[in-house]
Amino acid sequence: MSGNKELYELFREKAEAVSAKVSTIKTLPEAFLYAADLIVNSDNCDAIKDKTITAPGLGDDDFAKLEEICSEKGIKTIRTGLLDNTSGIDVGVTGADYGIAETGTLVVDSKSEDLRLATMISNIHVAILPESKIRATAFDLTAEMNELLEESAGYMAFITGPSRTADIERILALGVHGPLELHILVQEGN
């Protein structure tokens, strides 16, 4: 890891403490291959249904590369219209705008409905976080958050681990209100 190794290590430790899986990557195609392999090699057969990946925030060239990787593995890709596919998204690939090390939290500017849905209805959420966007605390994001919120009203998601809830008997269940798994891919050097 380049940059601040201690900040990355704290982020990884805190994210993994709330059941997220954290790995490092160097390139976006590496992230796309990781996401496709989650479907192909999944031990969680209940999570994988239709062999479908969505990545609504990708540019044209990056989405074409994802489609190429997925087609070789028999995986369908969707970029838009997620509202019409709410029960058939296995993996949602999104970017993360920031990471908060003290809590292992992702911050995602979610103005796009498709982007919001990708983080909420996918069985597995894969978030790509540039290493340079990890901050020590939420307070260290004040200037950036003010700037983002001044641009236009929208949705800002703070994601800490996969969806979880506990019933009155304190039995923890993952994936009840969102993804069963959260995979955070920290892109080195970005």
N, C-alpha and C. Protein backbone atom coordinates (compact mmCIF):
# COMPACT_ATOMS: atom_id res chain seq x y z
N MET A 1 0.85 -1.18 0.00
CA MET A 1 0.00 0.00 0.00
C MET A 1 0.89 1.24 0.00
N SER A 2 0.59 2.14 -0.87
CA SER A 2 1.26 3.43 -0.79
C SER A 2 0.45 4.32 0.13
N GLY A 3 0.89 5.54 0.33
CA GLY A 3 0.10 6.45 1.16
C GLY A 3 0.20 6.09 2.63
N ASN A 4 -0.84 6.34 3.37
CA ASN A 4 -0.84 6.15 4.81
C ASN A 4 -1.27 4.74 5.17
N LYS A 5 -0.31 3.89 5.39
CA LYS A 5 -0.58 2.48 5.70
C LYS A 5 -1.38 2.33 6.99
N GLU A 6 -1.10 3.15 8.00
CA GLU A 6 -1.81 3.04 9.28
C GLU A 6 -3.30 3.35 9.11
N LEU A 7 -3.62 4.35 8.28
CA LEU A 7 -5.01 4.72 8.04
C LEU A 7 -5.75 3.59 7.33
N TYR A 8 -5.10 3.01 6.32
CA TYR A 8 -5.69 1.86 5.62
C TYR A 8 -5.91 0.70 6.58
N GLU A 9 -4.90 0.39 7.40
CA GLU A 9 -5.01 -0.74 8.32
C GLU A 9 -6.14 -0.54 9.33
N LEU A 10 -6.30 0.69 9.83
CA LEU A 10 -7.40 0.98 10.75
C LEU A 10 -8.74 0.82 10.04
N PHE A 11 -8.85 1.34 8.82
CA PHE A 11 -10.07 1.19 8.04
C PHE A 11 -10.40 -0.29 7.84
N ARG A 12 -9.41 -1.07 7.42
CA ARG A 12 -9.61 -2.50 7.19
C ARG A 12 -10.06 -3.19 8.47
N GLU A 13 -9.39 -2.92 9.58
CA GLU A 13 -9.72 -3.54 10.87
C GLU A 13 -11.16 -3.23 11.27
N LYS A 14 -11.56 -1.98 11.17
CA LYS A 14 -12.91 -1.57 11.59
C LYS A 14 -13.97 -2.11 10.64
N ALA A 15 -13.70 -2.13 9.34
CA ALA A 15 -14.67 -2.66 8.37
C ALA A 15 -14.85 -4.16 8.55
N GLU A 16 -13.75 -4.87 8.77
CA GLU A 16 -13.84 -6.32 8.97
C GLU A 16 -14.52 -6.65 10.30
N ALA A 17 -14.43 -5.76 11.29
CA ALA A 17 -15.09 -5.99 12.57
C ALA A 17 -16.62 -5.99 12.44
N VAL A 18 -17.13 -5.37 11.38
CA VAL A 18 -18.58 -5.37 11.14
C VAL A 18 -18.93 -6.22 9.92
N SER A 19 -18.13 -7.25 9.68
CA SER A 19 -18.38 -8.30 8.68
C SER A 19 -18.15 -7.91 7.23
N ALA A 20 -17.49 -6.80 6.97
CA ALA A 20 -17.11 -6.48 5.59
C ALA A 20 -15.84 -7.25 5.26
N LYS A 21 -15.62 -7.47 3.96
CA LYS A 21 -14.39 -8.10 3.49
C LYS A 21 -13.60 -7.03 2.75
N VAL A 22 -12.35 -6.82 3.14
CA VAL A 22 -11.54 -5.75 2.55
C VAL A 22 -10.34 -6.36 1.85
N SER A 23 -10.12 -5.93 0.60
CA SER A 23 -8.97 -6.36 -0.20
C SER A 23 -8.40 -5.15 -0.91
N THR A 24 -7.21 -5.31 -1.45
CA THR A 24 -6.62 -4.24 -2.25
C THR A 24 -6.57 -4.67 -3.71
N ILE A 25 -6.68 -3.68 -4.59
CA ILE A 25 -6.57 -3.88 -6.03
C ILE A 25 -5.70 -2.77 -6.59
N LYS A 26 -5.23 -2.99 -7.79
CA LYS A 26 -4.44 -1.96 -8.47
C LYS A 26 -5.24 -1.31 -9.60
N THR A 27 -6.12 -2.08 -10.27
CA THR A 27 -6.83 -1.57 -11.45
C THR A 27 -8.33 -1.90 -11.36
N LEU A 28 -9.12 -1.16 -12.13
CA LEU A 28 -10.56 -1.45 -12.20
C LEU A 28 -10.85 -2.83 -12.80
N PRO A 29 -10.18 -3.23 -13.89
CA PRO A 29 -10.44 -4.58 -14.40
C PRO A 29 -10.21 -5.67 -13.35
N GLU A 30 -9.27 -5.45 -12.46
CA GLU A 30 -9.04 -6.39 -11.36
C GLU A 30 -10.28 -6.46 -10.45
N ALA A 31 -10.91 -5.30 -10.23
CA ALA A 31 -12.14 -5.26 -9.43
C ALA A 31 -13.27 -5.98 -10.16
N PHE A 32 -13.36 -5.80 -11.47
CA PHE A 32 -14.41 -6.45 -12.24
C PHE A 32 -14.26 -7.97 -12.20
N LEU A 33 -13.03 -8.44 -12.32
CA LEU A 33 -12.75 -9.87 -12.24
C LEU A 33 -13.10 -10.40 -10.85
N TYR A 34 -12.79 -9.65 -9.82
CA TYR A 34 -13.12 -10.02 -8.44
C TYR A 34 -14.63 -10.20 -8.31
N ALA A 35 -15.40 -9.23 -8.82
CA ALA A 35 -16.87 -9.28 -8.72
C ALA A 35 -17.43 -10.49 -9.49
N ALA A 36 -16.91 -10.72 -10.67
CA ALA A 36 -17.38 -11.87 -11.47
C ALA A 36 -17.04 -13.18 -10.77
N ASP A 37 -15.86 -13.26 -10.19
CA ASP A 37 -15.46 -14.47 -9.48
C ASP A 37 -16.32 -14.73 -8.24
N LEU A 38 -16.87 -13.66 -7.64
CA LEU A 38 -17.78 -13.86 -6.52
C LEU A 38 -18.99 -14.69 -6.93
N ILE A 39 -19.45 -14.47 -8.15
CA ILE A 39 -20.60 -15.24 -8.65
C ILE A 39 -20.17 -16.65 -9.02
N VAL A 40 -19.10 -16.76 -9.76
CA VAL A 40 -18.64 -18.07 -10.25
C VAL A 40 -18.21 -18.99 -9.12
N ASN A 41 -17.53 -18.44 -8.12
CA ASN A 41 -16.96 -19.26 -7.05
C ASN A 41 -17.70 -19.15 -5.72
N SER A 42 -18.93 -18.68 -5.74
CA SER A 42 -19.65 -18.42 -4.50
C SER A 42 -19.94 -19.69 -3.71
N ASP A 43 -19.63 -19.61 -2.41
CA ASP A 43 -20.02 -20.67 -1.49
C ASP A 43 -21.44 -20.45 -1.00
N ASN A 44 -21.94 -19.24 -1.18
CA ASN A 44 -23.26 -18.87 -0.69
C ASN A 44 -24.25 -18.98 -1.84
N CYS A 45 -24.70 -20.19 -2.13
CA CYS A 45 -25.60 -20.45 -3.25
C CYS A 45 -26.93 -19.72 -3.10
N ASP A 46 -27.36 -19.46 -1.87
CA ASP A 46 -28.61 -18.74 -1.67
C ASP A 46 -28.50 -17.29 -2.14
N ALA A 47 -27.30 -16.72 -2.11
CA ALA A 47 -27.12 -15.33 -2.52
C ALA A 47 -27.08 -15.18 -4.04
N ILE A 48 -26.63 -16.20 -4.76
CA ILE A 48 -26.48 -16.12 -6.20
C ILE A 48 -27.69 -16.78 -6.86
N LYS A 49 -28.45 -15.99 -7.63
CA LYS A 49 -29.65 -16.53 -8.25
C LYS A 49 -29.60 -16.46 -9.76
N ASP A 50 -29.41 -15.26 -10.30
CA ASP A 50 -29.54 -15.06 -11.74
C ASP A 50 -28.23 -14.82 -12.48
N LYS A 51 -27.11 -14.87 -11.76
CA LYS A 51 -25.80 -14.56 -12.35
C LYS A 51 -25.84 -13.20 -13.05
N THR A 52 -26.15 -12.17 -12.26
CA THR A 52 -26.28 -10.82 -12.78
C THR A 52 -25.45 -9.84 -11.95
N ILE A 53 -24.71 -8.98 -12.65
CA ILE A 53 -23.93 -7.91 -12.02
C ILE A 53 -24.45 -6.58 -12.55
N THR A 54 -24.58 -5.62 -11.66
CA THR A 54 -24.89 -4.26 -12.07
C THR A 54 -23.76 -3.34 -11.66
N ALA A 55 -23.53 -2.31 -12.46
CA ALA A 55 -22.50 -1.32 -12.15
C ALA A 55 -22.94 0.01 -12.75
N PRO A 56 -23.92 0.65 -12.12
CA PRO A 56 -24.52 1.84 -12.72
C PRO A 56 -23.64 3.07 -12.79
N GLY A 57 -22.60 3.17 -12.01
CA GLY A 57 -21.79 4.37 -12.00
C GLY A 57 -20.60 4.35 -12.94
N LEU A 58 -20.43 3.27 -13.70
CA LEU A 58 -19.25 3.16 -14.56
C LEU A 58 -19.41 3.96 -15.85
N GLY A 59 -18.29 4.49 -16.34
CA GLY A 59 -18.27 5.12 -17.65
C GLY A 59 -18.37 4.06 -18.74
N ASP A 60 -18.56 4.49 -19.97
CA ASP A 60 -18.77 3.57 -21.10
C ASP A 60 -17.63 2.57 -21.28
N ASP A 61 -16.39 3.05 -21.26
CA ASP A 61 -15.25 2.15 -21.49
C ASP A 61 -15.10 1.13 -20.37
N ASP A 62 -15.27 1.58 -19.13
CA ASP A 62 -15.16 0.67 -17.99
C ASP A 62 -16.30 -0.36 -18.00
N PHE A 63 -17.51 0.08 -18.34
CA PHE A 63 -18.63 -0.87 -18.38
C PHE A 63 -18.42 -1.90 -19.50
N ALA A 64 -17.85 -1.47 -20.62
CA ALA A 64 -17.56 -2.40 -21.72
C ALA A 64 -16.56 -3.47 -21.26
N LYS A 65 -15.56 -3.07 -20.46
CA LYS A 65 -14.58 -4.03 -19.94
C LYS A 65 -15.26 -5.00 -18.97
N LEU A 66 -16.15 -4.49 -18.11
CA LEU A 66 -16.91 -5.36 -17.21
C LEU A 66 -17.76 -6.35 -18.01
N GLU A 67 -18.44 -5.87 -19.04
CA GLU A 67 -19.26 -6.75 -19.88
C GLU A 67 -18.42 -7.85 -20.52
N GLU A 68 -17.24 -7.50 -20.98
CA GLU A 68 -16.34 -8.47 -21.60
C GLU A 68 -15.95 -9.57 -20.61
N ILE A 69 -15.56 -9.17 -19.41
CA ILE A 69 -15.17 -10.14 -18.37
C ILE A 69 -16.35 -11.03 -18.01
N CYS A 70 -17.53 -10.42 -17.85
CA CYS A 70 -18.71 -11.17 -17.44
C CYS A 70 -19.21 -12.12 -18.53
N SER A 71 -19.19 -11.68 -19.77
CA SER A 71 -19.68 -12.54 -20.85
C SER A 71 -18.85 -13.81 -20.98
N GLU A 72 -17.54 -13.71 -20.71
CA GLU A 72 -16.67 -14.88 -20.74
C GLU A 72 -17.04 -15.90 -19.66
N LYS A 73 -17.71 -15.42 -18.59
CA LYS A 73 -18.07 -16.28 -17.46
C LYS A 73 -19.57 -16.59 -17.41
N GLY A 74 -20.31 -16.17 -18.45
CA GLY A 74 -21.74 -16.44 -18.50
C GLY A 74 -22.56 -15.60 -17.52
N ILE A 75 -22.09 -14.40 -17.26
CA ILE A 75 -22.76 -13.51 -16.31
C ILE A 75 -23.39 -12.35 -17.07
N LYS A 76 -24.64 -12.05 -16.74
CA LYS A 76 -25.37 -10.94 -17.35
C LYS A 76 -25.00 -9.64 -16.65
N THR A 77 -24.93 -8.55 -17.41
CA THR A 77 -24.65 -7.23 -16.82
C THR A 77 -25.83 -6.30 -17.07
N ILE A 78 -26.09 -5.45 -16.08
CA ILE A 78 -27.14 -4.43 -16.18
C ILE A 78 -26.54 -3.12 -15.72
N ARG A 79 -26.83 -2.06 -16.44
CA ARG A 79 -26.28 -0.76 -16.07
C ARG A 79 -27.36 0.21 -15.61
N THR A 80 -28.54 0.11 -16.19
CA THR A 80 -29.64 1.02 -15.85
C THR A 80 -30.92 0.21 -15.66
N GLY A 81 -31.96 0.88 -15.18
CA GLY A 81 -33.25 0.22 -15.03
C GLY A 81 -33.30 -0.77 -13.89
N LEU A 82 -32.56 -0.52 -12.83
CA LEU A 82 -32.52 -1.46 -11.71
C LEU A 82 -33.87 -1.61 -11.02
N LEU A 83 -34.70 -0.59 -11.09
CA LEU A 83 -36.02 -0.66 -10.47
C LEU A 83 -36.85 -1.79 -11.08
N ASP A 84 -36.58 -2.14 -12.34
CA ASP A 84 -37.27 -3.24 -13.00
C ASP A 84 -36.64 -4.60 -12.71
N ASN A 85 -35.52 -4.61 -11.98
CA ASN A 85 -34.78 -5.85 -11.69
C ASN A 85 -34.52 -6.01 -10.20
N THR A 86 -35.43 -5.59 -9.36
CA THR A 86 -35.14 -5.53 -7.93
C THR A 86 -34.90 -6.88 -7.27
N SER A 87 -35.32 -7.95 -7.89
CA SER A 87 -35.10 -9.25 -7.25
C SER A 87 -34.05 -10.10 -7.96
N GLY A 88 -33.36 -9.53 -8.94
CA GLY A 88 -32.44 -10.35 -9.71
C GLY A 88 -31.02 -9.85 -9.80
N ILE A 89 -30.58 -9.04 -8.85
CA ILE A 89 -29.21 -8.53 -8.90
C ILE A 89 -28.36 -9.29 -7.88
N ASP A 90 -27.39 -10.03 -8.37
CA ASP A 90 -26.51 -10.79 -7.49
C ASP A 90 -25.41 -9.93 -6.91
N VAL A 91 -24.72 -9.17 -7.77
CA VAL A 91 -23.61 -8.34 -7.33
C VAL A 91 -23.80 -6.92 -7.86
N GLY A 92 -23.70 -5.95 -6.96
CA GLY A 92 -23.72 -4.54 -7.33
C GLY A 92 -22.33 -3.99 -7.14
N VAL A 93 -21.77 -3.42 -8.20
CA VAL A 93 -20.43 -2.82 -8.15
C VAL A 93 -20.61 -1.30 -8.18
N THR A 94 -20.11 -0.64 -7.15
CA THR A 94 -20.21 0.82 -7.09
C THR A 94 -18.87 1.41 -6.67
N GLY A 95 -18.75 2.67 -6.89
CA GLY A 95 -17.62 3.40 -6.35
C GLY A 95 -17.99 3.90 -4.97
N ALA A 96 -16.99 4.22 -4.18
CA ALA A 96 -17.22 4.88 -2.89
C ALA A 96 -16.44 6.19 -2.95
N ASP A 97 -17.07 7.26 -2.50
CA ASP A 97 -16.43 8.56 -2.56
C ASP A 97 -15.39 8.74 -1.47
N TYR A 98 -15.68 8.19 -0.29
CA TYR A 98 -14.75 8.30 0.85
C TYR A 98 -14.88 7.08 1.74
N GLY A 99 -13.86 6.88 2.56
CA GLY A 99 -13.89 5.88 3.62
C GLY A 99 -13.53 6.56 4.93
N ILE A 100 -14.18 6.14 6.01
CA ILE A 100 -13.90 6.68 7.33
C ILE A 100 -13.22 5.58 8.14
N ALA A 101 -11.94 5.79 8.45
CA ALA A 101 -11.13 4.75 9.08
C ALA A 101 -11.63 4.37 10.47
N GLU A 102 -12.03 5.34 11.29
CA GLU A 102 -12.38 5.03 12.68
C GLU A 102 -13.58 4.11 12.81
N THR A 103 -14.41 4.00 11.76
CA THR A 103 -15.60 3.14 11.82
C THR A 103 -15.67 2.12 10.69
N GLY A 104 -14.75 2.20 9.73
CA GLY A 104 -14.81 1.29 8.58
C GLY A 104 -16.00 1.59 7.68
N THR A 105 -16.40 2.84 7.64
CA THR A 105 -17.60 3.27 6.91
C THR A 105 -17.26 3.78 5.52
N LEU A 106 -18.12 3.46 4.55
CA LEU A 106 -18.03 4.01 3.20
C LEU A 106 -18.99 5.19 3.10
N VAL A 107 -18.60 6.20 2.34
CA VAL A 107 -19.48 7.34 2.04
C VAL A 107 -19.69 7.32 0.53
N VAL A 108 -20.97 7.23 0.12
CA VAL A 108 -21.30 7.13 -1.30
C VAL A 108 -22.30 8.23 -1.65
N ASP A 109 -21.90 9.09 -2.59
CA ASP A 109 -22.80 10.11 -3.11
C ASP A 109 -23.78 9.38 -4.03
N SER A 110 -25.03 9.27 -3.59
CA SER A 110 -26.01 8.40 -4.25
C SER A 110 -27.13 9.18 -4.91
N LYS A 111 -26.80 10.20 -5.67
CA LYS A 111 -27.84 10.98 -6.35
C LYS A 111 -28.61 10.15 -7.36
N SER A 112 -27.96 9.21 -8.00
CA SER A 112 -28.59 8.36 -9.00
C SER A 112 -29.42 7.26 -8.33
N GLU A 113 -30.66 7.09 -8.78
CA GLU A 113 -31.51 6.04 -8.23
C GLU A 113 -30.89 4.66 -8.47
N ASP A 114 -30.35 4.43 -9.66
CA ASP A 114 -29.73 3.14 -9.94
C ASP A 114 -28.55 2.87 -9.02
N LEU A 115 -27.76 3.89 -8.72
CA LEU A 115 -26.64 3.71 -7.80
C LEU A 115 -27.14 3.37 -6.40
N ARG A 116 -28.17 4.06 -5.94
CA ARG A 116 -28.75 3.75 -4.62
C ARG A 116 -29.24 2.31 -4.59
N LEU A 117 -29.95 1.91 -5.64
CA LEU A 117 -30.48 0.55 -5.68
C LEU A 117 -29.36 -0.49 -5.70
N ALA A 118 -28.28 -0.21 -6.42
CA ALA A 118 -27.17 -1.17 -6.48
C ALA A 118 -26.58 -1.42 -5.10
N THR A 119 -26.59 -0.41 -4.23
CA THR A 119 -26.04 -0.58 -2.88
C THR A 119 -27.04 -1.23 -1.93
N MET A 120 -28.32 -1.26 -2.32
CA MET A 120 -29.35 -1.76 -1.40
C MET A 120 -29.97 -3.10 -1.79
N ILE A 121 -30.16 -3.35 -3.09
CA ILE A 121 -30.91 -4.56 -3.49
C ILE A 121 -30.02 -5.70 -3.96
N SER A 122 -28.75 -5.43 -4.18
CA SER A 122 -27.84 -6.50 -4.60
C SER A 122 -27.63 -7.46 -3.43
N ASN A 123 -27.49 -8.72 -3.75
CA ASN A 123 -27.19 -9.70 -2.70
C ASN A 123 -25.78 -9.49 -2.14
N ILE A 124 -24.87 -9.06 -3.01
CA ILE A 124 -23.49 -8.77 -2.62
C ILE A 124 -23.14 -7.40 -3.17
N HIS A 125 -22.63 -6.53 -2.31
CA HIS A 125 -22.21 -5.19 -2.74
C HIS A 125 -20.68 -5.16 -2.77
N VAL A 126 -20.13 -4.79 -3.92
CA VAL A 126 -18.69 -4.60 -4.08
C VAL A 126 -18.45 -3.11 -4.28
N ALA A 127 -17.76 -2.50 -3.33
CA ALA A 127 -17.48 -1.07 -3.40
C ALA A 127 -16.00 -0.86 -3.67
N ILE A 128 -15.71 0.03 -4.61
CA ILE A 128 -14.33 0.35 -4.97
C ILE A 128 -14.00 1.71 -4.35
N LEU A 129 -13.03 1.70 -3.45
CA LEU A 129 -12.65 2.89 -2.70
C LEU A 129 -11.22 3.28 -3.04
N PRO A 130 -11.01 4.48 -3.61
CA PRO A 130 -9.63 4.92 -3.84
C PRO A 130 -8.90 5.08 -2.50
N GLU A 131 -7.72 4.56 -2.43
CA GLU A 131 -6.92 4.63 -1.20
C GLU A 131 -6.77 6.06 -0.69
N SER A 132 -6.62 7.01 -1.60
CA SER A 132 -6.42 8.41 -1.22
C SER A 132 -7.65 9.05 -0.61
N LYS A 133 -8.79 8.38 -0.66
CA LYS A 133 -10.04 8.94 -0.14
C LYS A 133 -10.38 8.44 1.26
N ILE A 134 -9.46 7.73 1.90
CA ILE A 134 -9.69 7.28 3.27
C ILE A 134 -9.31 8.41 4.21
N ARG A 135 -10.23 8.76 5.09
CA ARG A 135 -10.00 9.80 6.09
C ARG A 135 -10.04 9.17 7.47
N ALA A 136 -9.37 9.78 8.44
CA ALA A 136 -9.30 9.22 9.79
C ALA A 136 -10.66 9.22 10.47
N THR A 137 -11.37 10.35 10.42
CA THR A 137 -12.66 10.47 11.11
C THR A 137 -13.68 11.13 10.20
N ALA A 138 -14.94 11.08 10.61
CA ALA A 138 -16.00 11.76 9.86
C ALA A 138 -15.76 13.27 9.86
N PHE A 139 -15.21 13.78 10.94
CA PHE A 139 -14.93 15.22 11.01
C PHE A 139 -13.91 15.65 9.96
N ASP A 140 -13.03 14.74 9.56
CA ASP A 140 -12.05 15.06 8.53
C ASP A 140 -12.67 15.20 7.15
N LEU A 141 -13.94 14.85 7.03
CA LEU A 141 -14.67 14.97 5.76
C LEU A 141 -15.51 16.23 5.69
N THR A 142 -15.47 17.08 6.68
CA THR A 142 -16.37 18.23 6.74
C THR A 142 -16.31 19.09 5.48
N ALA A 143 -15.13 19.49 5.06
CA ALA A 143 -15.00 20.35 3.88
C ALA A 143 -15.52 19.66 2.62
N GLU A 144 -15.14 18.39 2.43
CA GLU A 144 -15.59 17.65 1.25
C GLU A 144 -17.11 17.45 1.26
N MET A 145 -17.67 17.14 2.41
CA MET A 145 -19.12 16.93 2.51
C MET A 145 -19.87 18.23 2.23
N ASN A 146 -19.40 19.33 2.77
CA ASN A 146 -20.04 20.62 2.50
C ASN A 146 -20.02 20.94 1.02
N GLU A 147 -18.89 20.65 0.37
CA GLU A 147 -18.77 20.89 -1.07
C GLU A 147 -19.74 20.00 -1.86
N LEU A 148 -19.80 18.73 -1.53
CA LEU A 148 -20.73 17.82 -2.21
C LEU A 148 -22.17 18.24 -2.02
N LEU A 149 -22.52 18.64 -0.82
CA LEU A 149 -23.90 19.00 -0.53
C LEU A 149 -24.29 20.35 -1.13
N GLU A 150 -23.32 21.23 -1.39
CA GLU A 150 -23.61 22.51 -2.03
C GLU A 150 -23.92 22.34 -3.51
N GLU A 151 -23.35 21.32 -4.14
CA GLU A 151 -23.55 21.10 -5.58
C GLU A 151 -25.01 20.91 -5.91
N SER A 152 -25.68 20.04 -5.18
CA SER A 152 -27.12 19.83 -5.39
C SER A 152 -27.63 18.93 -4.28
N ALA A 153 -28.91 19.07 -4.05
CA ALA A 153 -29.52 18.19 -3.05
C ALA A 153 -29.52 16.78 -3.60
N GLY A 154 -29.36 15.82 -2.74
CA GLY A 154 -29.34 14.45 -3.20
C GLY A 154 -29.32 13.50 -2.03
N TYR A 155 -28.72 12.37 -2.24
CA TYR A 155 -28.64 11.34 -1.22
C TYR A 155 -27.18 11.04 -0.93
N MET A 156 -26.86 10.97 0.33
CA MET A 156 -25.52 10.61 0.75
C MET A 156 -25.67 9.38 1.63
N ALA A 157 -25.06 8.28 1.24
CA ALA A 157 -25.16 7.04 2.00
C ALA A 157 -23.89 6.82 2.81
N PHE A 158 -24.08 6.44 4.06
CA PHE A 158 -22.98 6.01 4.93
C PHE A 158 -23.20 4.53 5.15
N ILE A 159 -22.29 3.70 4.67
CA ILE A 159 -22.46 2.25 4.69
C ILE A 159 -21.38 1.64 5.58
N THR A 160 -21.83 0.95 6.62
CA THR A 160 -20.90 0.30 7.54
C THR A 160 -21.27 -1.18 7.61
N GLY A 161 -20.56 -2.00 6.87
CA GLY A 161 -20.81 -3.44 6.86
C GLY A 161 -22.05 -3.81 6.06
N PRO A 162 -22.31 -5.12 5.93
CA PRO A 162 -23.51 -5.57 5.24
C PRO A 162 -24.74 -5.25 6.08
N SER A 163 -25.90 -5.35 5.46
CA SER A 163 -27.15 -5.12 6.18
C SER A 163 -27.24 -6.08 7.36
N ARG A 164 -27.68 -5.56 8.51
CA ARG A 164 -27.78 -6.41 9.69
C ARG A 164 -28.92 -5.92 10.56
N THR A 165 -29.51 -6.86 11.27
CA THR A 165 -30.53 -6.54 12.26
C THR A 165 -30.53 -7.64 13.30
N ALA A 166 -31.07 -7.34 14.45
CA ALA A 166 -31.20 -8.35 15.50
C ALA A 166 -32.63 -8.32 16.03
N ASP A 167 -33.16 -9.49 16.30
CA ASP A 167 -34.52 -9.54 16.82
C ASP A 167 -34.52 -9.30 18.33
N ILE A 168 -35.66 -9.39 18.91
CA ILE A 168 -35.81 -9.10 20.34
C ILE A 168 -35.00 -10.06 21.21
N GLU A 169 -34.68 -11.23 20.68
CA GLU A 169 -33.87 -12.19 21.43
C GLU A 169 -32.38 -12.01 21.15
N ARG A 170 -32.04 -10.93 20.46
CA ARG A 170 -30.67 -10.56 20.14
C ARG A 170 -29.97 -11.56 19.21
N ILE A 171 -30.71 -12.11 18.31
CA ILE A 171 -30.13 -13.01 17.31
C ILE A 171 -29.85 -12.18 16.06
N LEU A 172 -28.57 -12.08 15.70
CA LEU A 172 -28.15 -11.26 14.58
C LEU A 172 -28.46 -11.96 13.26
N ALA A 173 -29.00 -11.19 12.31
CA ALA A 173 -29.26 -11.70 10.97
C ALA A 173 -28.66 -10.72 9.97
N LEU A 174 -27.90 -11.23 9.01
CA LEU A 174 -27.32 -10.40 7.96
C LEU A 174 -28.18 -10.47 6.71
N GLY A 175 -28.23 -9.36 5.96
CA GLY A 175 -28.90 -9.34 4.68
C GLY A 175 -30.40 -9.18 4.72
N VAL A 176 -30.96 -8.83 5.85
CA VAL A 176 -32.41 -8.71 5.95
C VAL A 176 -32.92 -7.50 5.17
N HIS A 177 -32.25 -6.38 5.28
CA HIS A 177 -32.70 -5.14 4.65
C HIS A 177 -31.74 -4.66 3.56
N GLY A 178 -30.90 -5.50 3.08
CA GLY A 178 -29.91 -5.10 2.08
C GLY A 178 -28.97 -6.25 1.80
N PRO A 179 -27.79 -5.94 1.27
CA PRO A 179 -26.84 -6.99 0.88
C PRO A 179 -26.42 -7.92 2.02
N LEU A 180 -26.24 -9.19 1.65
CA LEU A 180 -25.73 -10.19 2.60
C LEU A 180 -24.24 -9.99 2.87
N GLU A 181 -23.54 -9.47 1.87
CA GLU A 181 -22.09 -9.31 1.97
C GLU A 181 -21.69 -7.94 1.45
N LEU A 182 -20.67 -7.38 2.07
CA LEU A 182 -20.05 -6.15 1.58
C LEU A 182 -18.57 -6.43 1.37
N HIS A 183 -18.12 -6.24 0.14
CA HIS A 183 -16.71 -6.38 -0.21
C HIS A 183 -16.19 -5.00 -0.57
N ILE A 184 -15.14 -4.57 0.11
CA ILE A 184 -14.55 -3.26 -0.16
C ILE A 184 -13.19 -3.50 -0.81
N LEU A 185 -13.04 -2.98 -2.02
CA LEU A 185 -11.80 -3.10 -2.76
C LEU A 185 -11.11 -1.74 -2.73
N VAL A 186 -10.02 -1.64 -1.99
CA VAL A 186 -9.28 -0.40 -1.89
C VAL A 186 -8.29 -0.35 -3.05
N GLN A 187 -8.46 0.66 -3.90
CA GLN A 187 -7.59 0.78 -5.07
C GLN A 187 -6.34 1.55 -4.70
N GLU A 188 -5.23 0.85 -4.75
CA GLU A 188 -3.93 1.43 -4.38
C GLU A 188 -3.54 2.56 -5.32
N GLY A 189 -2.93 3.58 -4.73
CA GLY A 189 -2.39 4.67 -5.55
C GLY A 189 -3.41 5.64 -6.08
N ASN A 190 -4.67 5.44 -5.78
CA ASN A 190 -5.71 6.38 -6.24
C ASN A 190 -6.33 7.08 -5.07
